[in-house]
Structures are given as C-alpha cells and as structure tokens.
N, C-alpha and C. Protein backbone atom coordinates (compact mmCIF):
# COMPACT_ATOMS: atom_id res chain seq x y z
N MET A 1 0.82 -1.19 0.00
CA MET A 1 0.00 0.00 0.00
C MET A 1 0.86 1.25 0.00
N ARG A 2 1.93 1.26 0.80
CA ARG A 2 2.79 2.43 0.88
C ARG A 2 3.47 2.72 -0.46
N VAL A 3 3.92 1.68 -1.16
CA VAL A 3 4.60 1.87 -2.43
C VAL A 3 3.64 2.50 -3.44
N TRP A 4 2.42 1.98 -3.49
CA TRP A 4 1.43 2.53 -4.42
C TRP A 4 1.14 3.98 -4.09
N PHE A 5 0.94 4.29 -2.79
CA PHE A 5 0.64 5.65 -2.38
C PHE A 5 1.81 6.57 -2.74
N GLY A 6 3.04 6.12 -2.51
CA GLY A 6 4.23 6.92 -2.84
C GLY A 6 4.31 7.20 -4.32
N ALA A 7 4.04 6.20 -5.13
CA ALA A 7 4.08 6.37 -6.58
C ALA A 7 2.97 7.31 -7.03
N ALA A 8 1.78 7.15 -6.48
CA ALA A 8 0.66 8.01 -6.85
C ALA A 8 0.93 9.45 -6.43
N PHE A 9 1.49 9.62 -5.23
CA PHE A 9 1.82 10.96 -4.75
C PHE A 9 2.87 11.61 -5.67
N PHE A 10 3.91 10.85 -6.02
CA PHE A 10 4.95 11.36 -6.91
C PHE A 10 4.36 11.75 -8.26
N ALA A 11 3.49 10.92 -8.80
CA ALA A 11 2.86 11.22 -10.09
C ALA A 11 2.01 12.48 -10.01
N ALA A 12 1.29 12.64 -8.90
CA ALA A 12 0.45 13.84 -8.73
C ALA A 12 1.31 15.09 -8.62
N VAL A 13 2.41 15.02 -7.88
CA VAL A 13 3.31 16.17 -7.75
C VAL A 13 3.94 16.50 -9.10
N LEU A 14 4.37 15.47 -9.82
CA LEU A 14 4.96 15.69 -11.14
C LEU A 14 3.95 16.33 -12.09
N ALA A 15 2.73 15.84 -12.08
CA ALA A 15 1.68 16.41 -12.95
C ALA A 15 1.40 17.86 -12.58
N PHE A 16 1.41 18.15 -11.28
CA PHE A 16 1.16 19.53 -10.83
C PHE A 16 2.25 20.47 -11.35
N PHE A 17 3.50 20.08 -11.22
CA PHE A 17 4.60 20.97 -11.61
C PHE A 17 4.84 21.02 -13.12
N THR A 18 4.39 20.03 -13.85
CA THR A 18 4.58 20.05 -15.30
C THR A 18 3.31 20.44 -16.03
N GLY A 19 2.28 20.81 -15.31
CA GLY A 19 1.03 21.19 -15.95
C GLY A 19 0.33 20.02 -16.60
N GLY A 20 0.63 18.82 -16.17
CA GLY A 20 0.00 17.64 -16.73
C GLY A 20 0.65 17.16 -18.01
N ALA A 21 1.70 17.85 -18.45
CA ALA A 21 2.39 17.45 -19.68
C ALA A 21 3.09 16.13 -19.46
N ARG A 22 3.17 15.36 -20.53
CA ARG A 22 3.90 14.10 -20.42
C ARG A 22 5.05 14.14 -21.41
N ALA A 23 6.06 13.38 -21.11
CA ALA A 23 7.21 13.33 -22.01
C ALA A 23 6.81 12.70 -23.33
N GLN A 24 7.39 13.19 -24.40
CA GLN A 24 7.13 12.62 -25.71
C GLN A 24 8.18 11.56 -26.02
N THR A 25 7.77 10.58 -26.78
CA THR A 25 8.74 9.60 -27.26
C THR A 25 9.47 10.20 -28.45
N GLN A 26 10.57 9.59 -28.82
CA GLN A 26 11.30 10.08 -29.99
C GLN A 26 10.43 10.00 -31.23
N MET A 27 9.64 8.94 -31.34
CA MET A 27 8.77 8.81 -32.50
C MET A 27 7.75 9.94 -32.54
N GLU A 28 7.16 10.29 -31.40
CA GLU A 28 6.21 11.40 -31.37
C GLU A 28 6.89 12.71 -31.74
N MET A 29 8.11 12.92 -31.28
CA MET A 29 8.85 14.13 -31.63
C MET A 29 9.17 14.15 -33.12
N ASN A 30 9.53 12.99 -33.68
CA ASN A 30 9.80 12.90 -35.12
C ASN A 30 8.56 13.26 -35.92
N VAL A 31 7.43 12.71 -35.53
CA VAL A 31 6.17 12.98 -36.24
C VAL A 31 5.82 14.46 -36.15
N ALA A 32 5.97 15.05 -34.98
CA ALA A 32 5.65 16.47 -34.81
C ALA A 32 6.57 17.34 -35.68
N ALA A 33 7.85 17.01 -35.72
CA ALA A 33 8.79 17.79 -36.53
C ALA A 33 8.46 17.65 -38.02
N CYS A 34 8.14 16.46 -38.45
CA CYS A 34 7.80 16.25 -39.87
C CYS A 34 6.46 16.88 -40.22
N ASP A 35 5.53 16.91 -39.28
CA ASP A 35 4.27 17.63 -39.49
C ASP A 35 4.54 19.13 -39.65
N ALA A 36 5.46 19.66 -38.86
CA ALA A 36 5.83 21.08 -38.98
C ALA A 36 6.47 21.35 -40.34
N ALA A 37 7.25 20.41 -40.84
CA ALA A 37 7.85 20.58 -42.17
C ALA A 37 6.77 20.57 -43.25
N LYS A 38 5.77 19.72 -43.10
CA LYS A 38 4.66 19.69 -44.06
C LYS A 38 3.87 20.99 -44.01
N LYS A 39 3.68 21.53 -42.82
CA LYS A 39 2.97 22.80 -42.68
C LYS A 39 3.77 23.92 -43.34
N ALA A 40 5.07 23.94 -43.12
CA ALA A 40 5.93 24.95 -43.75
C ALA A 40 5.88 24.83 -45.27
N ASP A 41 5.85 23.59 -45.76
CA ASP A 41 5.76 23.37 -47.20
C ASP A 41 4.44 23.90 -47.76
N ALA A 42 3.36 23.69 -47.04
CA ALA A 42 2.06 24.20 -47.48
C ALA A 42 2.06 25.72 -47.50
N GLU A 43 2.71 26.34 -46.51
CA GLU A 43 2.81 27.80 -46.47
C GLU A 43 3.65 28.31 -47.64
N LEU A 44 4.73 27.60 -47.94
CA LEU A 44 5.56 27.98 -49.08
C LEU A 44 4.77 27.86 -50.38
N ASN A 45 4.06 26.77 -50.55
CA ASN A 45 3.26 26.58 -51.77
C ASN A 45 2.20 27.67 -51.92
N ALA A 46 1.60 28.07 -50.81
CA ALA A 46 0.60 29.14 -50.86
C ALA A 46 1.24 30.47 -51.24
N ALA A 47 2.40 30.76 -50.69
CA ALA A 47 3.10 32.00 -51.03
C ALA A 47 3.51 31.99 -52.50
N TYR A 48 4.03 30.88 -52.96
CA TYR A 48 4.44 30.76 -54.37
C TYR A 48 3.25 30.93 -55.31
N ALA A 49 2.14 30.29 -54.99
CA ALA A 49 0.94 30.41 -55.81
C ALA A 49 0.43 31.85 -55.82
N ALA A 50 0.51 32.53 -54.68
CA ALA A 50 0.07 33.93 -54.61
C ALA A 50 0.95 34.83 -55.47
N VAL A 51 2.25 34.58 -55.47
CA VAL A 51 3.17 35.37 -56.30
C VAL A 51 2.88 35.12 -57.77
N LEU A 52 2.67 33.86 -58.13
CA LEU A 52 2.35 33.56 -59.53
C LEU A 52 1.04 34.24 -59.95
N GLU A 53 0.05 34.18 -59.09
CA GLU A 53 -1.24 34.80 -59.41
C GLU A 53 -1.10 36.32 -59.55
N LYS A 54 -0.37 36.92 -58.63
CA LYS A 54 -0.20 38.37 -58.65
C LYS A 54 0.54 38.84 -59.91
N ASN A 55 1.37 37.97 -60.46
CA ASN A 55 2.20 38.34 -61.62
C ASN A 55 1.81 37.59 -62.89
N LYS A 56 0.58 37.13 -62.95
CA LYS A 56 0.14 36.30 -64.07
C LYS A 56 0.26 36.99 -65.42
N ASP A 57 0.30 38.30 -65.43
CA ASP A 57 0.41 39.05 -66.70
C ASP A 57 1.86 39.36 -67.07
N ASP A 58 2.80 38.79 -66.35
CA ASP A 58 4.22 39.04 -66.62
C ASP A 58 4.93 37.71 -66.87
N PRO A 59 4.85 37.20 -68.12
CA PRO A 59 5.41 35.88 -68.40
C PRO A 59 6.93 35.80 -68.22
N VAL A 60 7.62 36.88 -68.42
CA VAL A 60 9.08 36.87 -68.23
C VAL A 60 9.40 36.65 -66.75
N PHE A 61 8.73 37.41 -65.89
CA PHE A 61 8.94 37.23 -64.45
C PHE A 61 8.59 35.81 -64.03
N ILE A 62 7.44 35.32 -64.47
CA ILE A 62 7.00 33.98 -64.07
C ILE A 62 8.02 32.94 -64.51
N ARG A 63 8.50 33.03 -65.72
CA ARG A 63 9.51 32.08 -66.20
C ARG A 63 10.75 32.12 -65.32
N LYS A 64 11.20 33.31 -64.98
CA LYS A 64 12.42 33.45 -64.17
C LYS A 64 12.19 33.03 -62.72
N LEU A 65 11.00 33.28 -62.20
CA LEU A 65 10.69 32.82 -60.85
C LEU A 65 10.67 31.30 -60.79
N LYS A 66 10.12 30.66 -61.80
CA LYS A 66 10.08 29.20 -61.84
C LYS A 66 11.50 28.62 -61.89
N VAL A 67 12.38 29.27 -62.64
CA VAL A 67 13.78 28.84 -62.67
C VAL A 67 14.39 28.98 -61.27
N ALA A 68 14.11 30.11 -60.61
CA ALA A 68 14.64 30.34 -59.27
C ALA A 68 14.09 29.32 -58.28
N GLU A 69 12.82 28.98 -58.41
CA GLU A 69 12.22 28.02 -57.48
C GLU A 69 12.82 26.63 -57.67
N ARG A 70 13.02 26.23 -58.93
CA ARG A 70 13.67 24.93 -59.18
C ARG A 70 15.09 24.92 -58.61
N ALA A 71 15.79 26.03 -58.78
CA ALA A 71 17.16 26.13 -58.23
C ALA A 71 17.13 26.07 -56.71
N TRP A 72 16.15 26.74 -56.09
CA TRP A 72 16.05 26.70 -54.64
C TRP A 72 15.77 25.28 -54.15
N LEU A 73 14.88 24.56 -54.83
CA LEU A 73 14.60 23.17 -54.45
C LEU A 73 15.85 22.31 -54.53
N ALA A 74 16.65 22.52 -55.59
CA ALA A 74 17.91 21.77 -55.72
C ALA A 74 18.87 22.17 -54.60
N PHE A 75 18.93 23.46 -54.28
CA PHE A 75 19.78 23.91 -53.18
C PHE A 75 19.33 23.29 -51.87
N ARG A 76 18.02 23.31 -51.61
CA ARG A 76 17.49 22.75 -50.36
C ARG A 76 17.89 21.29 -50.20
N ASP A 77 17.68 20.53 -51.27
CA ASP A 77 18.02 19.11 -51.21
C ASP A 77 19.52 18.90 -51.01
N ALA A 78 20.33 19.70 -51.70
CA ALA A 78 21.79 19.59 -51.56
C ALA A 78 22.24 20.01 -50.17
N GLU A 79 21.63 21.05 -49.63
CA GLU A 79 21.97 21.53 -48.29
C GLU A 79 21.69 20.46 -47.25
N LEU A 80 20.54 19.82 -47.35
CA LEU A 80 20.20 18.77 -46.40
C LEU A 80 21.08 17.54 -46.58
N ALA A 81 21.43 17.23 -47.84
CA ALA A 81 22.34 16.10 -48.09
C ALA A 81 23.72 16.38 -47.52
N ALA A 82 24.16 17.63 -47.58
CA ALA A 82 25.46 17.99 -47.01
C ALA A 82 25.42 17.97 -45.49
N ARG A 83 24.29 18.37 -44.93
CA ARG A 83 24.17 18.38 -43.47
C ARG A 83 24.14 16.96 -42.91
N TYR A 84 23.52 16.05 -43.65
CA TYR A 84 23.40 14.65 -43.22
C TYR A 84 23.91 13.75 -44.34
N PRO A 85 25.25 13.69 -44.56
CA PRO A 85 25.80 13.01 -45.73
C PRO A 85 25.91 11.48 -45.63
N ALA A 86 25.84 10.93 -44.44
CA ALA A 86 26.05 9.50 -44.28
C ALA A 86 25.02 8.69 -45.07
N GLU A 87 25.48 7.59 -45.64
CA GLU A 87 24.57 6.69 -46.37
C GLU A 87 23.60 6.02 -45.40
N ASP A 88 24.12 5.54 -44.28
CA ASP A 88 23.28 4.88 -43.27
C ASP A 88 22.92 5.91 -42.21
N LYS A 89 21.82 6.59 -42.42
CA LYS A 89 21.40 7.69 -41.54
C LYS A 89 21.17 7.22 -40.11
N ALA A 90 20.54 6.07 -39.95
CA ALA A 90 20.24 5.57 -38.61
C ALA A 90 21.52 5.30 -37.82
N ALA A 91 22.50 4.70 -38.48
CA ALA A 91 23.75 4.39 -37.80
C ALA A 91 24.54 5.66 -37.48
N ALA A 92 24.52 6.61 -38.40
CA ALA A 92 25.32 7.82 -38.22
C ALA A 92 24.68 8.83 -37.28
N TYR A 93 23.36 8.97 -37.34
CA TYR A 93 22.71 10.05 -36.61
C TYR A 93 21.73 9.59 -35.55
N GLY A 94 21.48 8.31 -35.49
CA GLY A 94 20.63 7.75 -34.45
C GLY A 94 19.15 8.01 -34.66
N SER A 95 18.42 7.77 -33.58
CA SER A 95 16.96 7.85 -33.67
C SER A 95 16.46 9.29 -33.82
N MET A 96 17.32 10.27 -33.61
CA MET A 96 16.92 11.67 -33.75
C MET A 96 17.01 12.16 -35.19
N TYR A 97 17.50 11.33 -36.10
CA TYR A 97 17.72 11.80 -37.47
C TYR A 97 16.46 12.41 -38.10
N ASN A 98 15.34 11.71 -38.06
CA ASN A 98 14.12 12.24 -38.68
C ASN A 98 13.70 13.56 -38.04
N PHE A 99 13.82 13.64 -36.73
CA PHE A 99 13.50 14.86 -36.00
C PHE A 99 14.39 16.01 -36.48
N CYS A 100 15.68 15.76 -36.54
CA CYS A 100 16.63 16.80 -36.96
C CYS A 100 16.44 17.17 -38.42
N TYR A 101 16.28 16.17 -39.28
CA TYR A 101 16.10 16.42 -40.71
C TYR A 101 14.84 17.25 -40.96
N CYS A 102 13.75 16.85 -40.34
CA CYS A 102 12.48 17.57 -40.56
C CYS A 102 12.54 18.99 -40.01
N ASN A 103 13.22 19.18 -38.88
CA ASN A 103 13.38 20.54 -38.35
C ASN A 103 14.20 21.40 -39.31
N ALA A 104 15.27 20.84 -39.86
CA ALA A 104 16.10 21.58 -40.82
C ALA A 104 15.30 21.88 -42.09
N LEU A 105 14.54 20.91 -42.55
CA LEU A 105 13.70 21.11 -43.74
C LEU A 105 12.67 22.22 -43.50
N ALA A 106 12.04 22.21 -42.34
CA ALA A 106 11.05 23.24 -42.01
C ALA A 106 11.71 24.62 -41.95
N GLU A 107 12.89 24.69 -41.35
CA GLU A 107 13.60 25.97 -41.25
C GLU A 107 13.94 26.53 -42.62
N LEU A 108 14.50 25.71 -43.49
CA LEU A 108 14.84 26.16 -44.84
C LEU A 108 13.58 26.57 -45.61
N THR A 109 12.51 25.83 -45.45
CA THR A 109 11.27 26.10 -46.15
C THR A 109 10.65 27.41 -45.69
N ARG A 110 10.66 27.65 -44.38
CA ARG A 110 10.13 28.92 -43.86
C ARG A 110 10.95 30.10 -44.38
N LYS A 111 12.26 29.92 -44.47
CA LYS A 111 13.11 31.00 -45.00
C LYS A 111 12.77 31.29 -46.46
N ARG A 112 12.51 30.26 -47.23
CA ARG A 112 12.15 30.48 -48.64
C ARG A 112 10.80 31.17 -48.75
N ALA A 113 9.85 30.78 -47.92
CA ALA A 113 8.54 31.44 -47.93
C ALA A 113 8.71 32.92 -47.59
N ALA A 114 9.57 33.23 -46.64
CA ALA A 114 9.83 34.62 -46.28
C ALA A 114 10.49 35.37 -47.44
N ALA A 115 11.35 34.68 -48.20
CA ALA A 115 12.00 35.31 -49.35
C ALA A 115 10.99 35.62 -50.46
N LEU A 116 9.93 34.85 -50.56
CA LEU A 116 8.89 35.11 -51.57
C LEU A 116 7.93 36.22 -51.14
N ALA A 117 7.85 36.49 -49.86
CA ALA A 117 6.87 37.44 -49.33
C ALA A 117 6.92 38.82 -49.98
N PRO A 118 8.07 39.41 -50.26
CA PRO A 118 8.05 40.73 -50.89
C PRO A 118 7.35 40.75 -52.25
N TRP A 119 7.42 39.69 -53.01
CA TRP A 119 6.70 39.62 -54.27
C TRP A 119 5.19 39.52 -54.06
N ARG A 120 4.82 38.89 -52.97
CA ARG A 120 3.39 38.74 -52.65
C ARG A 120 2.84 39.99 -51.98
N ASP A 121 3.59 40.55 -51.01
CA ASP A 121 3.09 41.62 -50.16
C ASP A 121 3.53 43.01 -50.59
N GLY A 122 4.55 43.09 -51.41
CA GLY A 122 5.10 44.38 -51.80
C GLY A 122 6.11 44.89 -50.79
N VAL A 123 6.77 45.97 -51.16
CA VAL A 123 7.78 46.60 -50.31
C VAL A 123 7.42 48.07 -50.17
N PRO A 124 7.94 48.73 -49.13
CA PRO A 124 7.61 50.14 -48.93
C PRO A 124 8.12 51.01 -50.09
N GLU A 125 7.39 52.04 -50.36
CA GLU A 125 7.78 52.99 -51.39
C GLU A 125 9.06 53.71 -50.95
N GLY A 126 9.89 54.02 -51.91
CA GLY A 126 11.10 54.77 -51.62
C GLY A 126 12.38 53.97 -51.78
N ASP A 127 12.27 52.67 -51.85
CA ASP A 127 13.45 51.84 -52.06
C ASP A 127 13.78 51.85 -53.54
N GLY A 128 14.95 52.33 -53.87
CA GLY A 128 15.34 52.41 -55.27
C GLY A 128 15.76 51.09 -55.88
N CYS A 129 15.82 50.05 -55.07
CA CYS A 129 16.30 48.74 -55.55
C CYS A 129 15.22 47.68 -55.48
N THR A 130 13.98 48.06 -55.71
CA THR A 130 12.89 47.09 -55.57
C THR A 130 12.88 46.03 -56.66
N GLY A 131 13.47 46.34 -57.81
CA GLY A 131 13.45 45.36 -58.90
C GLY A 131 12.04 44.98 -59.25
N SER A 132 11.73 43.69 -59.20
CA SER A 132 10.40 43.21 -59.56
C SER A 132 9.43 43.18 -58.37
N TYR A 133 9.89 43.56 -57.19
CA TYR A 133 8.96 43.61 -56.06
C TYR A 133 7.95 44.72 -56.28
N PRO A 134 6.68 44.45 -56.06
CA PRO A 134 5.70 45.54 -56.17
C PRO A 134 5.84 46.50 -54.99
N VAL A 135 5.53 47.74 -55.23
CA VAL A 135 5.56 48.74 -54.17
C VAL A 135 4.17 48.82 -53.55
N ARG A 136 4.12 48.86 -52.22
CA ARG A 136 2.83 48.93 -51.51
C ARG A 136 2.19 50.28 -51.72
C-alpha cells in the first residue's frame, strides 16, 4: 500500500509541476517535426501560388521565378544532403535523425517562404532597388 501511495503521490506532484504534460517519445517528436515541415511546405506553396497569381500578366517574371524556385529546391536538397551526408542515416545520426532532418527542412522552407513574401506583399515605397517587387 505504501509503495502505491508513494508512486501516486509522486505522479500527482509531477503532474502539478509540469502542468499535466507528459514526455514525448522520440517517435512522437519525429512525427511532430515532420508535421511542422509539411505545414511549412504548405505555407511555401501558398506564397508561391500567390506570387504567380499576382504576376500572371508578366510571363518573363513567371519564367524566371520558376527557374529560381527549381534552383532553390535543388539547393534545399543539396543543403540537407550535405548536413546529413552518411549513407546509413540511422547508424550515423541515431533515432533523432528524422527529428533533426524535418526541423532543418522546415527551417529552410520557412526561410524560402519569407523570401517570396516581398513579391506577394510588396515593399515600402522609396526603395530604389525594388526590382520586380511591387511597391505597396
């Protein structure tokens, strides 16, 4: 009886101080990181589609943006391959590999979405170097 009470008391104290949160397994962390990468990819796709729509009457820009996007995808893949070059990922990086890879993928993807934002949202008037960015 004492052992059970001690364990129950410890669990109650732990739940109180952690707000009821429970530790995640590595698999749960991997899934959450990869879900975040998918969300970042959806945000990137939405930004890219908005830029294409906003510039639909400028075929030269669209052609060059598509070239840039293909180059960025190649860069992203090469960057991640350089960060995690081992053939046997599990042996080299352990059970955290998917977590780390997906976090890096999400970070790169969010940065690319931010790089597309000026074409979608415009830039403040007065910048003499706006190029193809629309002025707000």
